[in-house]
């Protein structure tokens, strides 16, 4: 194993941890697509995806524990009025999109999945669906699961399983990587 492979393993770990802690700035799915374009060996790509999923799960464990310990410090913030006409138009467009049937249905499913987080073992379904398809967003689910009665072992197992399936599916679709 050369320095190139070690560098790719290090980047898989760094991006996995970064995507778990700062999902707005680091996107794990884009990393899987990009790394597949740079790696020629399919088994090594599958190994990098596994390392990436492990790092993402470890990062989510960190966020989960922060939410579990800091539950009483969360407060609601009122949105500020828009600064200009463009920002006002973006808000109007966002309200229109949020009123469509598809987004109304996605919101209902998301709200139902989030209500499952209050139940100790049914919340695993929410963590799995969130890590697999992204509805509701995994960053929000991680914080809410940490603040709820969700067992950490179940949450991390579901996140690991969902992310592994999602990333392997991305690699299969974009780069024809398969276990068979």
Protein backbone atom coordinates (compact mmCIF):
# COMPACT_ATOMS: atom_id res chain seq x y z
CA UNK A 1 0.00 0.00 0.00
CA UNK A 2 1.51 3.25 -1.16
CA UNK A 3 1.17 6.82 -0.05
CA UNK A 4 -1.60 7.42 -2.58
CA UNK A 5 -3.79 4.74 -1.02
CA UNK A 6 -3.04 5.97 2.50
CA UNK A 7 -3.94 9.50 1.42
CA UNK A 8 -7.25 8.28 0.00
CA UNK A 9 -8.00 6.40 3.24
CA UNK A 10 -7.16 9.54 5.23
CA UNK A 11 -9.41 11.64 3.03
CA UNK A 12 -12.25 9.11 3.45
CA UNK A 13 -11.90 9.43 7.22
CA UNK A 14 -11.61 13.24 7.17
CA UNK A 15 -14.57 13.76 4.84
CA UNK A 16 -16.65 11.22 6.80
CA UNK A 17 -16.03 13.01 10.07
CA UNK A 18 -16.52 16.42 8.46
CA UNK A 19 -19.78 15.40 6.81
CA UNK A 20 -21.09 14.09 10.12
CA UNK A 21 -20.22 17.18 12.13
CA UNK A 22 -20.64 19.91 9.46
CA UNK A 23 -23.11 18.53 6.91
CA UNK A 24 -23.84 21.96 5.43
CA UNK A 25 -20.22 22.41 4.32
CA UNK A 26 -19.13 18.81 3.58
CA UNK A 27 -21.34 16.47 1.55
CA UNK A 28 -20.71 12.75 1.97
CA UNK A 29 -22.64 11.73 -1.14
CA UNK A 30 -20.67 14.03 -3.42
CA UNK A 31 -17.48 12.60 -1.93
CA UNK A 32 -18.56 9.06 -2.90
CA UNK A 33 -19.20 10.18 -6.46
CA UNK A 34 -15.89 12.09 -6.64
CA UNK A 35 -13.75 9.35 -5.11
CA UNK A 36 -15.22 6.83 -7.52
CA UNK A 37 -14.00 8.96 -10.40
CA UNK A 38 -10.43 8.94 -9.08
CA UNK A 39 -10.06 5.30 -7.99
CA UNK A 40 -9.58 2.63 -10.65
CA UNK A 41 -9.86 -0.44 -8.42
CA UNK A 42 -13.43 -1.43 -7.61
CA UNK A 43 -12.54 -3.43 -4.46
CA UNK A 44 -10.48 -0.50 -3.17
CA UNK A 45 -13.39 1.85 -3.86
CA UNK A 46 -15.69 -0.44 -1.87
CA UNK A 47 -13.11 -0.43 0.95
CA UNK A 48 -12.93 3.40 0.86
CA UNK A 49 -16.71 3.55 1.06
CA UNK A 50 -16.66 1.25 4.10
CA UNK A 51 -14.02 3.43 5.79
CA UNK A 52 -16.05 6.53 4.90
CA UNK A 53 -19.22 5.02 6.42
CA UNK A 54 -17.37 4.07 9.62
CA UNK A 55 -15.98 7.61 9.93
CA UNK A 56 -19.42 9.11 9.29
CA UNK A 57 -20.95 6.89 11.96
CA UNK A 58 -18.26 7.89 14.46
CA UNK A 59 -18.93 11.56 13.70
CA UNK A 60 -22.67 11.04 14.16
CA UNK A 61 -21.92 9.38 17.52
CA UNK A 62 -20.10 12.56 18.55
CA UNK A 63 -23.04 14.78 17.50
CA UNK A 64 -25.49 12.37 19.19
CA UNK A 65 -23.60 12.67 22.48
CA UNK A 66 -23.41 16.46 22.23
CA UNK A 67 -27.17 16.59 21.74
CA UNK A 68 -27.74 14.18 24.61
CA UNK A 69 -25.70 16.31 26.99
CA UNK A 70 -26.88 19.71 25.78
CA UNK A 71 -30.64 19.18 25.53
CA UNK A 72 -31.52 22.01 27.93
CA UNK A 73 -29.48 24.62 26.07
CA UNK A 74 -31.55 24.74 22.85
CA UNK A 75 -33.72 27.82 22.20
CA UNK A 76 -35.89 28.95 19.32
CA UNK A 77 -34.82 31.90 17.16
CA UNK A 78 -37.25 34.10 15.25
CA UNK A 79 -36.43 34.54 11.54
CA UNK A 80 -35.25 37.98 10.47
CA UNK A 81 -37.12 39.96 7.83
CA UNK A 82 -35.61 39.75 4.33
CA UNK A 83 -32.92 42.31 3.56
CA UNK A 84 -33.78 42.88 -0.10
CA UNK A 85 -36.26 42.03 -2.84
CA UNK A 86 -34.34 38.94 -3.95
CA UNK A 87 -34.41 37.43 -0.46
CA UNK A 88 -38.11 38.23 -0.19
CA UNK A 89 -38.78 36.54 -3.54
CA UNK A 90 -36.80 33.46 -2.47
CA UNK A 91 -38.98 33.18 0.64
CA UNK A 92 -42.15 33.51 -1.44
CA UNK A 93 -40.90 30.84 -3.85
CA UNK A 94 -40.01 28.60 -0.95
CA UNK A 95 -43.49 28.93 0.49
CA UNK A 96 -45.00 28.09 -2.91
CA UNK A 97 -42.81 24.97 -3.30
CA UNK A 98 -43.61 23.92 0.26
CA UNK A 99 -47.32 24.06 -0.61
CA UNK A 100 -47.12 21.55 -3.48
CA UNK A 101 -48.53 18.05 -3.05
CA UNK A 102 -45.16 16.31 -3.21
CA UNK A 103 -43.56 18.47 -0.55
CA UNK A 104 -46.69 18.30 1.62
CA UNK A 105 -46.52 14.49 1.45
CA UNK A 106 -42.76 14.51 2.19
CA UNK A 107 -43.40 16.78 5.19
CA UNK A 108 -46.12 14.43 6.51
CA UNK A 109 -43.82 11.41 6.21
CA UNK A 110 -40.96 13.34 7.77
CA UNK A 111 -43.11 14.52 10.68
CA UNK A 112 -44.39 10.98 11.27
CA UNK A 113 -40.84 9.60 11.28
CA UNK A 114 -39.73 12.32 13.70
CA UNK A 115 -42.55 11.42 16.11
CA UNK A 116 -41.14 7.89 16.22
CA UNK A 117 -37.94 9.21 17.81
CA UNK A 118 -39.74 9.54 21.15
CA UNK A 119 -40.20 5.78 21.21
CA UNK A 120 -37.03 3.95 22.22
CA UNK A 121 -36.98 1.27 19.52
CA UNK A 122 -39.34 2.56 16.81
CA UNK A 123 -37.00 5.51 16.37
CA UNK A 124 -34.54 3.16 14.69
CA UNK A 125 -36.79 3.26 11.63
CA UNK A 126 -36.41 7.03 11.51
CA UNK A 127 -32.62 6.81 11.76
CA UNK A 128 -32.51 4.15 9.04
CA UNK A 129 -34.78 6.00 6.61
CA UNK A 130 -32.99 9.27 7.25
CA UNK A 131 -29.58 7.78 6.61
CA UNK A 132 -30.81 5.85 3.57
CA UNK A 133 -32.86 8.46 1.68
CA UNK A 134 -32.30 11.70 3.59
CA UNK A 135 -35.91 12.32 4.66
CA UNK A 136 -35.95 13.75 7.31
CA UNK A 137 -32.39 15.15 7.12
CA UNK A 138 -29.89 13.04 9.05
CA UNK A 139 -28.34 16.07 10.76
CA UNK A 140 -31.69 16.96 12.33
CA UNK A 141 -32.48 13.33 13.18
CA UNK A 142 -29.10 12.96 14.91
CA UNK A 143 -29.72 15.93 17.17
CA UNK A 144 -33.32 14.95 17.94
CA UNK A 145 -32.34 11.32 18.57
CA UNK A 146 -29.66 12.46 21.00
CA UNK A 147 -32.21 14.61 22.82
CA UNK A 148 -34.80 11.79 22.92
CA UNK A 149 -34.94 8.34 24.46
CA UNK A 150 -33.30 6.70 21.46
CA UNK A 151 -30.67 4.08 22.44
CA UNK A 152 -27.29 5.05 21.03
CA UNK A 153 -26.39 1.53 19.87
CA UNK A 154 -29.61 1.27 17.84
CA UNK A 155 -29.17 4.72 16.32
CA UNK A 156 -25.58 4.05 15.27
CA UNK A 157 -26.44 0.62 13.86
CA UNK A 158 -29.22 2.07 11.75
CA UNK A 159 -27.07 4.98 10.56
CA UNK A 160 -24.23 2.62 9.62
CA UNK A 161 -26.54 0.26 7.75
CA UNK A 162 -28.45 2.99 5.91
CA UNK A 163 -25.35 4.94 4.92
CA UNK A 164 -23.57 1.79 3.73
CA UNK A 165 -26.51 0.83 1.52
CA UNK A 166 -26.84 4.40 0.21
CA UNK A 167 -23.15 4.86 -0.60
CA UNK A 168 -22.82 1.43 -2.22
CA UNK A 169 -25.92 2.18 -4.30
CA UNK A 170 -24.35 5.47 -5.41
CA UNK A 171 -21.12 3.67 -6.28
CA UNK A 172 -23.04 0.98 -8.15
CA UNK A 173 -25.07 3.49 -10.15
CA UNK A 174 -22.22 5.85 -11.01
CA UNK A 175 -19.22 3.51 -11.09
CA UNK A 176 -20.66 -0.02 -11.50
CA UNK A 177 -19.18 -1.26 -8.20
CA UNK A 178 -20.81 -4.41 -6.89
CA UNK A 179 -20.08 -7.11 -4.35
CA UNK A 180 -21.00 -9.84 -6.87
